[in-house]
Amino acid sequence: MSVQHVQVPSDDRLITALEKYAVRSYSREMKLQCLRDELDYSIGLRTLNKLELRLEIGSIRRPPPMEVSRQAVIDEVSKDLLQLNGPAFVQTQLKQQHLMIPRQATSTIFLDFPRDTVREIMHDHFDSGFTLRFPGHKKAQIPRVGLSSMGKFHEVSADGHEKLSSQALQMGEIGLPIYAYKDKYSDNLLRLVLTPNSRTAAAGGHLHLDLIEETGCIPMQVTTDKGSEIGWQYAFQATLREAFTPDIDPHVYAVYMVLKSVHNTVIEGFWRWLRVPLFYWIFVPVIQHELDEFRHWWNTHHIRVQPDKNMPSGHVPAHVLEHPSHVGGIDGRIQIPREAVDELREYLTEEVGSRDSHLRWLGVTVEFERMAEEVWVRIGSPTLLLESAWDVFAEMSAVIENY
């Protein structure tokens, strides 16, 4: 009888995979399944436990020392100026730093870690936050209908978020619109970006091509509201689907779906024009970093269980996006070569202008960026964080006025 030898992946590959699974809180069974699918490595639970111990993969069963855990939670919660995030969010953020701290002690395995769970530390140091987050009244229930999708990239929804637009901020021309693309089946946020313009067809076209460049594909269907940005998005989606999957009947599987939406804005202003580009120069990267962190948290957290949902629930979005077959879904990606995107980008640029001309923040010219960089260095190159951004803004404003 011949002996079959299992090809063992390198430690680097194992560490990368196992740390990803730990951050996403995969169960041990999910880890074994993903190791088989991703690394072609079939092992049992005992071998998995030995591997995680040898490679020092973090686990809530092996939390860091109490003083390290306590300080890490304090540092993370201190970033949340409004105290809006609960223990689950904080725990997930710490996992990105490979700090596996239990949310609360619910088992005898934490007898040596009795109080320094995320929840207990937050009660000790930020107890008022729990009061702020407690619902003061029962919110009105919104009628809901069941959603349906066959698998990842069967349907991707896109929309702009205007709560940080110039109209909403009421700060003159200053605005921070957000545009997002979300995979319906997996709940995965494919893109979540700040954009200086999310309401013109030209900007929407470039943003759509950005998504295709990043993912290398289009979905079977795009769904948006009736906003002014959908013109080129619709044209590109329809053209590419017809060109690369002519066998998919658009009468059976829609190419593009437009839904109703309500949009109200108020305008009020008082900021001087000089501060507009500086505001963007400082706050865009700061807020984009926060959006990136939120996107990562969302894609690695567990969606709540919804028994009546006919798509996945109780899952991790990133896991379902990578392995839709694990939950009975299809892979609806339609691969698009980079050359096709480049050709469309060139055509769009000739028709409406370059990406930079439509998606550059107001006033943030090459010359202004050079000046702002010099001023930032002059004041000591302070780290740009959400909690310190206004101080940097004020200090740089004073220098720029006399520049």
Protein backbone atom coordinates (compact mmCIF):
# COMPACT_ATOMS: atom_id res chain seq x y z
CA MET A 1 0.00 0.00 0.00
CA SER A 2 1.44 3.36 -1.00
CA VAL A 3 1.61 6.14 1.56
CA GLN A 4 0.07 9.45 0.45
CA HIS A 5 2.06 12.45 1.61
CA VAL A 6 0.25 15.71 2.33
CA GLN A 7 1.98 18.79 0.92
CA VAL A 8 2.35 21.15 3.88
CA PRO A 9 2.16 24.89 3.01
CA SER A 10 4.97 27.13 4.17
CA ASP A 11 4.72 28.79 7.58
CA ASP A 12 4.33 32.19 5.92
CA ARG A 13 1.29 31.03 3.97
CA LEU A 14 -0.19 29.34 7.02
CA ILE A 15 0.32 32.40 9.21
CA THR A 16 -1.32 34.66 6.62
CA ALA A 17 -4.33 32.35 6.33
CA LEU A 18 -4.74 31.56 10.04
CA GLU A 19 -4.42 35.20 11.10
CA LYS A 20 -7.12 36.12 8.56
CA TYR A 21 -9.40 33.43 9.98
CA ALA A 22 -8.72 34.63 13.54
CA VAL A 23 -9.56 38.24 12.69
CA ARG A 24 -12.82 37.07 11.10
CA SER A 25 -13.70 34.85 14.10
CA TYR A 26 -14.08 31.74 11.97
CA SER A 27 -15.13 28.59 13.78
CA ARG A 28 -12.65 25.72 13.81
CA GLU A 29 -14.74 23.87 11.22
CA MET A 30 -14.69 26.92 8.92
CA LYS A 31 -10.90 27.19 9.33
CA LEU A 32 -10.45 23.57 8.27
CA GLN A 33 -12.74 24.05 5.27
CA CYS A 34 -10.93 27.21 4.14
CA LEU A 35 -7.52 25.56 4.54
CA ARG A 36 -8.71 22.81 2.21
CA ASP A 37 -10.15 25.24 -0.34
CA GLU A 38 -7.46 27.92 -0.25
CA LEU A 39 -4.24 25.99 0.48
CA ASP A 40 -5.26 22.45 -0.53
CA TYR A 41 -4.30 21.40 2.99
CA SER A 42 -6.53 18.84 4.75
CA ILE A 43 -5.92 18.42 8.48
CA GLY A 44 -7.90 17.66 11.63
CA LEU A 45 -8.75 19.73 14.69
CA ARG A 46 -5.81 18.44 16.72
CA THR A 47 -3.31 19.41 14.02
CA LEU A 48 -5.00 22.81 13.68
CA ASN A 49 -4.63 23.47 17.42
CA LYS A 50 -0.96 22.49 17.32
CA LEU A 51 -0.37 24.73 14.30
CA GLU A 52 -1.99 27.76 15.95
CA LEU A 53 0.07 27.25 19.12
CA ARG A 54 3.34 26.78 17.21
CA LEU A 55 2.74 29.76 14.93
CA GLU A 56 1.45 31.90 17.84
CA ILE A 57 -1.89 32.66 16.20
CA GLY A 58 -4.03 34.81 18.48
CA SER A 59 -7.21 33.45 20.04
CA ILE A 60 -9.68 34.66 22.65
CA ARG A 61 -8.81 31.43 24.47
CA ARG A 62 -5.27 32.77 24.72
CA PRO A 63 -5.78 36.49 25.44
CA PRO A 64 -2.84 38.86 25.99
CA PRO A 65 -1.78 39.88 29.52
CA MET A 66 -4.39 41.84 31.44
CA GLU A 67 -2.45 45.09 31.49
CA VAL A 68 -1.92 44.91 27.71
CA SER A 69 -5.60 44.16 27.11
CA ARG A 70 -6.82 46.95 29.35
CA GLN A 71 -4.59 49.59 27.73
CA ALA A 72 -5.48 48.42 24.22
CA VAL A 73 -9.22 48.75 24.93
CA ILE A 74 -8.73 52.19 26.52
CA ASP A 75 -6.71 53.39 23.52
CA GLU A 76 -9.30 52.12 21.03
CA VAL A 77 -12.36 53.53 22.85
CA SER A 78 -10.60 56.89 23.27
CA LYS A 79 -10.74 57.31 19.49
CA ASP A 80 -14.56 57.23 19.63
CA LEU A 81 -15.24 60.80 20.69
CA LEU A 82 -19.04 60.37 20.75
CA GLN A 83 -18.96 56.95 22.45
CA LEU A 84 -21.16 55.42 19.77
CA ASN A 85 -19.38 52.07 19.39
CA GLY A 86 -20.11 49.13 21.67
CA PRO A 87 -17.95 46.21 22.85
CA ALA A 88 -18.52 44.16 19.69
CA PHE A 89 -17.10 46.91 17.46
CA VAL A 90 -14.14 47.54 19.79
CA GLN A 91 -13.36 43.83 19.98
CA THR A 92 -13.34 43.55 16.19
CA GLN A 93 -11.09 46.60 15.83
CA LEU A 94 -8.60 45.08 18.27
CA LYS A 95 -8.59 41.88 16.26
CA GLN A 96 -7.17 43.87 13.35
CA GLN A 97 -4.20 44.51 15.66
CA HIS A 98 -4.05 40.76 16.45
CA LEU A 99 -5.24 41.39 20.02
CA MET A 100 -7.76 38.65 20.74
CA ILE A 101 -9.66 39.85 23.79
CA PRO A 102 -12.99 38.20 24.77
CA ARG A 103 -15.98 40.48 24.59
CA GLN A 104 -17.29 39.19 27.93
CA ALA A 105 -16.52 36.28 30.25
CA THR A 106 -19.14 33.61 29.58
CA SER A 107 -17.13 30.43 30.11
CA THR A 108 -14.79 28.83 32.62
CA ILE A 109 -11.96 29.18 30.11
CA PHE A 110 -11.73 32.82 31.19
CA LEU A 111 -11.36 32.17 34.93
CA ASP A 112 -7.79 33.50 34.73
CA PHE A 113 -9.10 36.52 32.84
CA PRO A 114 -12.06 37.47 35.04
CA ARG A 115 -12.57 41.17 34.53
CA ASP A 116 -10.42 42.32 31.66
CA THR A 117 -12.89 41.56 28.92
CA VAL A 118 -13.75 44.33 26.49
CA ARG A 119 -17.16 44.95 28.08
CA GLU A 120 -15.80 45.05 31.64
CA ILE A 121 -12.94 47.39 30.71
CA MET A 122 -15.38 49.72 28.95
CA HIS A 123 -17.64 49.70 32.02
CA ASP A 124 -14.66 50.54 34.22
CA HIS A 125 -13.38 53.44 32.13
CA PHE A 126 -16.18 54.54 29.80
CA ASP A 127 -19.36 53.59 31.64
CA SER A 128 -21.29 56.63 30.39
CA GLY A 129 -21.04 55.30 26.85
CA PHE A 130 -23.40 52.44 27.67
CA THR A 131 -26.01 54.97 28.79
CA LEU A 132 -25.56 57.00 25.61
CA ARG A 133 -26.01 53.92 23.44
CA PHE A 134 -29.04 52.62 25.33
CA PRO A 135 -32.19 53.15 23.23
CA GLY A 136 -34.40 55.76 24.88
CA HIS A 137 -37.53 54.65 23.07
CA LYS A 138 -38.73 52.03 20.70
CA LYS A 139 -38.09 53.05 17.13
CA ALA A 140 -40.82 52.86 14.55
CA GLN A 141 -40.66 49.64 12.60
CA ILE A 142 -40.05 49.91 8.87
CA PRO A 143 -41.93 47.37 6.76
CA ARG A 144 -39.46 44.98 5.17
CA VAL A 145 -39.64 42.41 2.41
CA GLY A 146 -37.34 39.47 1.87
CA LEU A 147 -34.25 40.00 -0.27
CA SER A 148 -33.12 37.56 -2.90
CA SER A 149 -29.85 36.89 -4.68
CA MET A 150 -28.24 33.77 -6.15
CA GLY A 151 -24.65 34.44 -5.08
CA LYS A 152 -21.78 36.90 -4.98
CA PHE A 153 -21.77 39.53 -7.72
CA HIS A 154 -25.21 38.45 -8.87
CA GLU A 155 -26.33 41.91 -7.76
CA VAL A 156 -24.26 44.88 -6.56
CA SER A 157 -25.98 47.96 -5.15
CA ALA A 158 -24.47 51.44 -5.48
CA ASP A 159 -25.41 54.75 -3.92
CA GLY A 160 -24.06 58.05 -2.67
CA HIS A 161 -24.30 59.10 0.98
CA GLU A 162 -24.91 62.82 1.39
CA LYS A 163 -24.89 63.22 5.20
CA LEU A 164 -21.41 64.78 4.91
CA SER A 165 -22.09 66.74 1.75
CA SER A 166 -21.77 70.53 1.61
CA GLN A 167 -25.53 70.85 1.97
CA ALA A 168 -25.62 68.65 5.04
CA LEU A 169 -22.54 70.09 6.76
CA GLN A 170 -23.79 73.65 6.19
CA MET A 171 -20.20 74.85 5.92
CA GLY A 172 -20.32 76.64 2.59
CA GLU A 173 -18.60 74.74 -0.19
CA ILE A 174 -17.11 72.14 2.13
CA GLY A 175 -18.54 68.66 1.68
CA LEU A 176 -17.48 65.02 2.06
CA PRO A 177 -19.81 62.87 -0.03
CA ILE A 178 -19.37 59.12 0.22
CA TYR A 179 -20.03 56.58 -2.51
CA ALA A 180 -20.41 52.88 -1.85
CA TYR A 181 -20.80 49.59 -3.69
CA LYS A 182 -22.17 46.62 -1.75
CA ASP A 183 -22.56 43.01 -2.79
CA LYS A 184 -26.14 42.01 -2.03
CA TYR A 185 -25.56 38.30 -1.41
CA SER A 186 -22.58 38.45 0.94
CA ASP A 187 -23.24 41.92 2.45
CA ASN A 188 -19.62 42.73 1.57
CA LEU A 189 -18.74 46.40 1.10
CA LEU A 190 -16.80 46.32 -2.14
CA ARG A 191 -15.96 50.03 -2.08
CA LEU A 192 -16.60 52.80 0.44
CA VAL A 193 -14.84 55.99 -0.60
CA LEU A 194 -14.89 59.70 -0.07
CA THR A 195 -15.39 61.47 -3.36
CA PRO A 196 -15.56 65.17 -4.18
CA ASN A 197 -18.37 64.46 -6.63
CA SER A 198 -20.93 61.67 -6.46
CA ARG A 199 -23.85 63.27 -8.31
CA THR A 200 -22.76 63.74 -11.93
CA ALA A 201 -22.89 61.11 -14.63
CA ALA A 202 -19.20 61.68 -15.42
CA ALA A 203 -18.10 61.10 -11.81
CA GLY A 204 -20.37 58.07 -11.58
CA GLY A 205 -18.81 56.63 -14.71
CA HIS A 206 -15.28 57.00 -13.37
CA LEU A 207 -16.27 55.55 -9.98
CA HIS A 208 -17.82 52.56 -11.74
CA LEU A 209 -14.65 51.98 -13.75
CA ASP A 210 -12.66 52.25 -10.50
CA LEU A 211 -14.71 49.36 -9.12
CA ILE A 212 -14.13 47.26 -12.24
CA GLU A 213 -10.39 48.01 -12.11
CA GLU A 214 -10.21 46.99 -8.47
CA THR A 215 -12.26 43.79 -8.74
CA GLY A 216 -11.48 42.81 -12.32
CA CYS A 217 -15.12 42.10 -13.04
CA ILE A 218 -18.67 43.41 -13.25
CA PRO A 219 -21.69 41.93 -11.48
CA MET A 220 -24.57 40.38 -13.33
CA GLN A 221 -26.74 43.30 -12.18
CA VAL A 222 -26.16 46.80 -10.79
CA THR A 223 -28.87 48.44 -8.67
CA THR A 224 -29.00 52.20 -7.96
CA ASP A 225 -31.53 54.91 -7.25
CA LYS A 226 -32.64 57.42 -9.89
CA GLY A 227 -29.73 59.75 -9.19
CA SER A 228 -28.05 61.87 -11.84
CA GLU A 229 -24.84 59.82 -11.56
CA ILE A 230 -26.17 56.65 -13.17
CA GLY A 231 -25.89 57.52 -16.89
CA TRP A 232 -22.42 56.22 -17.64
CA GLN A 233 -22.68 53.49 -15.00
CA TYR A 234 -25.69 52.08 -16.81
CA ALA A 235 -24.03 52.39 -20.22
CA PHE A 236 -20.84 50.62 -19.10
CA GLN A 237 -22.70 47.87 -17.27
CA ALA A 238 -24.96 47.16 -20.25
CA THR A 239 -22.13 47.34 -22.81
CA LEU A 240 -19.73 45.11 -20.89
CA ARG A 241 -22.32 42.50 -20.00
CA GLU A 242 -23.49 42.24 -23.59
CA ALA A 243 -19.90 42.07 -24.84
CA PHE A 244 -18.55 39.49 -22.36
CA THR A 245 -21.65 37.43 -21.50
CA PRO A 246 -24.00 37.62 -24.50
CA ASP A 247 -25.50 34.27 -23.47
CA ILE A 248 -27.12 35.71 -20.33
CA ASP A 249 -30.65 36.78 -21.24
CA PRO A 250 -31.25 40.34 -19.94
CA HIS A 251 -34.99 39.64 -19.84
CA VAL A 252 -34.36 36.85 -17.35
CA TYR A 253 -31.41 38.33 -15.44
CA ALA A 254 -31.61 42.12 -15.36
CA VAL A 255 -28.56 44.17 -16.31
CA TYR A 256 -29.47 47.26 -14.30
CA MET A 257 -32.23 48.08 -11.82
CA VAL A 258 -33.29 51.62 -10.81
CA LEU A 259 -35.12 52.17 -7.51
CA LYS A 260 -36.80 55.22 -5.94
CA SER A 261 -34.98 57.36 -3.39
CA VAL A 262 -35.67 60.53 -1.38
CA HIS A 263 -33.09 63.26 -1.07
CA ASN A 264 -33.42 66.56 0.88
CA THR A 265 -30.69 69.16 1.51
CA VAL A 266 -30.24 72.51 3.33
CA ILE A 267 -27.66 75.15 2.36
CA GLU A 268 -25.92 77.52 4.73
CA GLY A 269 -22.36 78.81 4.64
CA PHE A 270 -19.83 80.84 6.50
CA TRP A 271 -16.34 79.41 5.81
CA ARG A 272 -13.71 81.38 3.95
CA TRP A 273 -12.56 79.96 0.63
CA LEU A 274 -8.93 79.70 1.80
CA ARG A 275 -9.86 77.01 4.33
CA VAL A 276 -11.82 74.88 1.91
CA PRO A 277 -8.84 73.16 0.22
CA LEU A 278 -7.02 72.89 3.56
CA PHE A 279 -10.06 71.21 5.10
CA TYR A 280 -10.05 68.67 2.29
CA TRP A 281 -6.27 68.21 2.45
CA ILE A 282 -6.43 67.32 6.15
CA PHE A 283 -9.77 65.62 6.65
CA VAL A 284 -10.17 63.55 3.48
CA PRO A 285 -7.31 61.13 4.30
CA VAL A 286 -8.30 61.09 7.98
CA ILE A 287 -11.94 60.22 7.27
CA GLN A 288 -11.00 57.85 4.46
CA HIS A 289 -8.87 55.96 6.98
CA GLU A 290 -11.89 55.71 9.28
CA LEU A 291 -14.02 54.50 6.35
CA ASP A 292 -11.39 51.89 5.48
CA GLU A 293 -11.40 50.67 9.09
CA PHE A 294 -15.20 50.53 9.12
CA ARG A 295 -15.27 48.66 5.82
CA HIS A 296 -12.77 46.14 7.19
CA TRP A 297 -14.80 45.76 10.38
CA TRP A 298 -18.05 45.29 8.47
CA ASN A 299 -16.59 42.69 6.13
CA THR A 300 -15.09 40.67 9.02
CA HIS A 301 -17.94 40.87 11.55
CA HIS A 302 -20.74 38.33 11.93
CA ILE A 303 -24.04 39.28 10.33
CA ARG A 304 -26.95 38.59 12.67
CA VAL A 305 -28.94 35.43 12.12
CA GLN A 306 -32.16 36.01 10.16
CA PRO A 307 -34.13 32.75 9.96
CA ASP A 308 -36.54 34.03 7.28
CA LYS A 309 -33.80 35.32 4.97
CA ASN A 310 -33.36 33.24 1.81
CA MET A 311 -29.73 34.34 1.49
CA PRO A 312 -26.88 33.79 3.97
CA SER A 313 -27.25 35.08 7.53
CA GLY A 314 -25.20 34.60 10.68
CA HIS A 315 -22.12 34.71 8.47
CA VAL A 316 -18.95 36.75 7.92
CA PRO A 317 -19.34 38.80 4.67
CA ALA A 318 -15.72 38.36 3.61
CA HIS A 319 -15.96 34.59 4.01
CA VAL A 320 -19.10 34.32 1.87
CA LEU A 321 -17.61 36.61 -0.79
CA GLU A 322 -14.53 34.37 -1.00
CA HIS A 323 -16.41 31.07 -0.70
CA PRO A 324 -20.05 31.46 -1.84
CA SER A 325 -20.25 27.71 -2.46
CA HIS A 326 -19.91 27.11 1.28
CA VAL A 327 -23.43 28.49 1.69
CA GLY A 328 -24.91 27.28 -1.59
CA GLY A 329 -24.25 30.40 -3.70
CA ILE A 330 -22.82 30.95 -7.16
CA ASP A 331 -19.90 33.08 -8.28
CA GLY A 332 -21.51 35.71 -10.52
CA ARG A 333 -18.35 37.60 -11.42
CA ILE A 334 -17.95 38.45 -15.10
CA GLN A 335 -14.21 38.87 -15.67
CA ILE A 336 -13.23 42.05 -17.52
CA PRO A 337 -9.69 42.45 -18.97
CA ARG A 338 -7.80 45.58 -17.95
CA GLU A 339 -7.52 46.61 -21.58
CA ALA A 340 -11.31 46.94 -21.84
CA VAL A 341 -11.38 49.22 -18.79
CA ASP A 342 -8.52 51.32 -20.17
CA GLU A 343 -10.33 51.70 -23.47
CA LEU A 344 -13.54 52.80 -21.77
CA ARG A 345 -11.61 55.17 -19.50
CA GLU A 346 -9.99 56.77 -22.52
CA TYR A 347 -13.36 57.10 -24.23
CA LEU A 348 -14.97 58.60 -21.10
CA THR A 349 -12.09 61.05 -20.76
CA GLU A 350 -12.53 62.21 -24.35
CA GLU A 351 -16.27 62.63 -23.86
CA VAL A 352 -16.49 64.29 -20.43
CA GLY A 353 -12.95 64.88 -19.16
CA SER A 354 -10.38 63.02 -17.10
CA ARG A 355 -10.97 61.27 -13.80
CA ASP A 356 -8.86 63.91 -12.05
CA SER A 357 -10.93 66.75 -13.48
CA HIS A 358 -14.15 65.32 -12.00
CA LEU A 359 -12.84 63.71 -8.80
CA ARG A 360 -10.29 66.25 -7.51
CA TRP A 361 -11.30 68.00 -4.31
CA LEU A 362 -12.24 71.67 -4.75
CA GLY A 363 -9.19 73.92 -4.57
CA VAL A 364 -6.73 71.09 -3.89
CA THR A 365 -4.52 71.81 -6.87
CA VAL A 366 -0.99 70.52 -7.34
CA GLU A 367 0.28 73.93 -6.22
CA PHE A 368 -1.87 73.89 -3.08
CA GLU A 369 -0.76 70.37 -2.21
CA ARG A 370 2.86 71.48 -2.46
CA MET A 371 2.23 74.51 -0.22
CA ALA A 372 0.25 72.47 2.34
CA GLU A 373 3.04 69.89 2.49
CA GLU A 374 5.59 72.62 3.20
CA VAL A 375 3.41 74.17 5.93
CA TRP A 376 2.75 70.78 7.51
CA VAL A 377 6.49 70.09 7.67
CA ARG A 378 7.10 73.59 9.08
CA ILE A 379 4.78 72.95 12.06
CA GLY A 380 6.53 69.68 12.87
CA SER A 381 4.78 67.12 10.62
CA PRO A 382 2.14 66.20 13.23
CA THR A 383 0.36 62.87 12.85
CA LEU A 384 -3.06 63.34 11.29
CA LEU A 385 -5.62 61.55 13.46
CA LEU A 386 -9.33 62.13 13.85
CA GLU A 387 -8.91 63.35 17.43
CA SER A 388 -6.17 65.85 16.53
CA ALA A 389 -7.19 66.93 13.01
CA TRP A 390 -8.91 70.14 14.10
CA ASP A 391 -5.83 71.28 16.04
CA VAL A 392 -3.63 70.68 12.98
CA PHE A 393 -6.18 72.48 10.82
CA ALA A 394 -6.16 75.55 13.09
CA GLU A 395 -2.36 75.67 13.27
CA MET A 396 -1.91 75.29 9.53
CA SER A 397 -4.63 77.88 8.82
CA ALA A 398 -2.71 80.48 10.81
CA VAL A 399 0.49 79.77 8.88
CA ILE A 400 -1.21 79.72 5.46
CA GLU A 401 -2.83 83.11 6.04
CA ASN A 402 0.66 84.62 6.20
CA TYR A 403 2.22 82.33 3.60
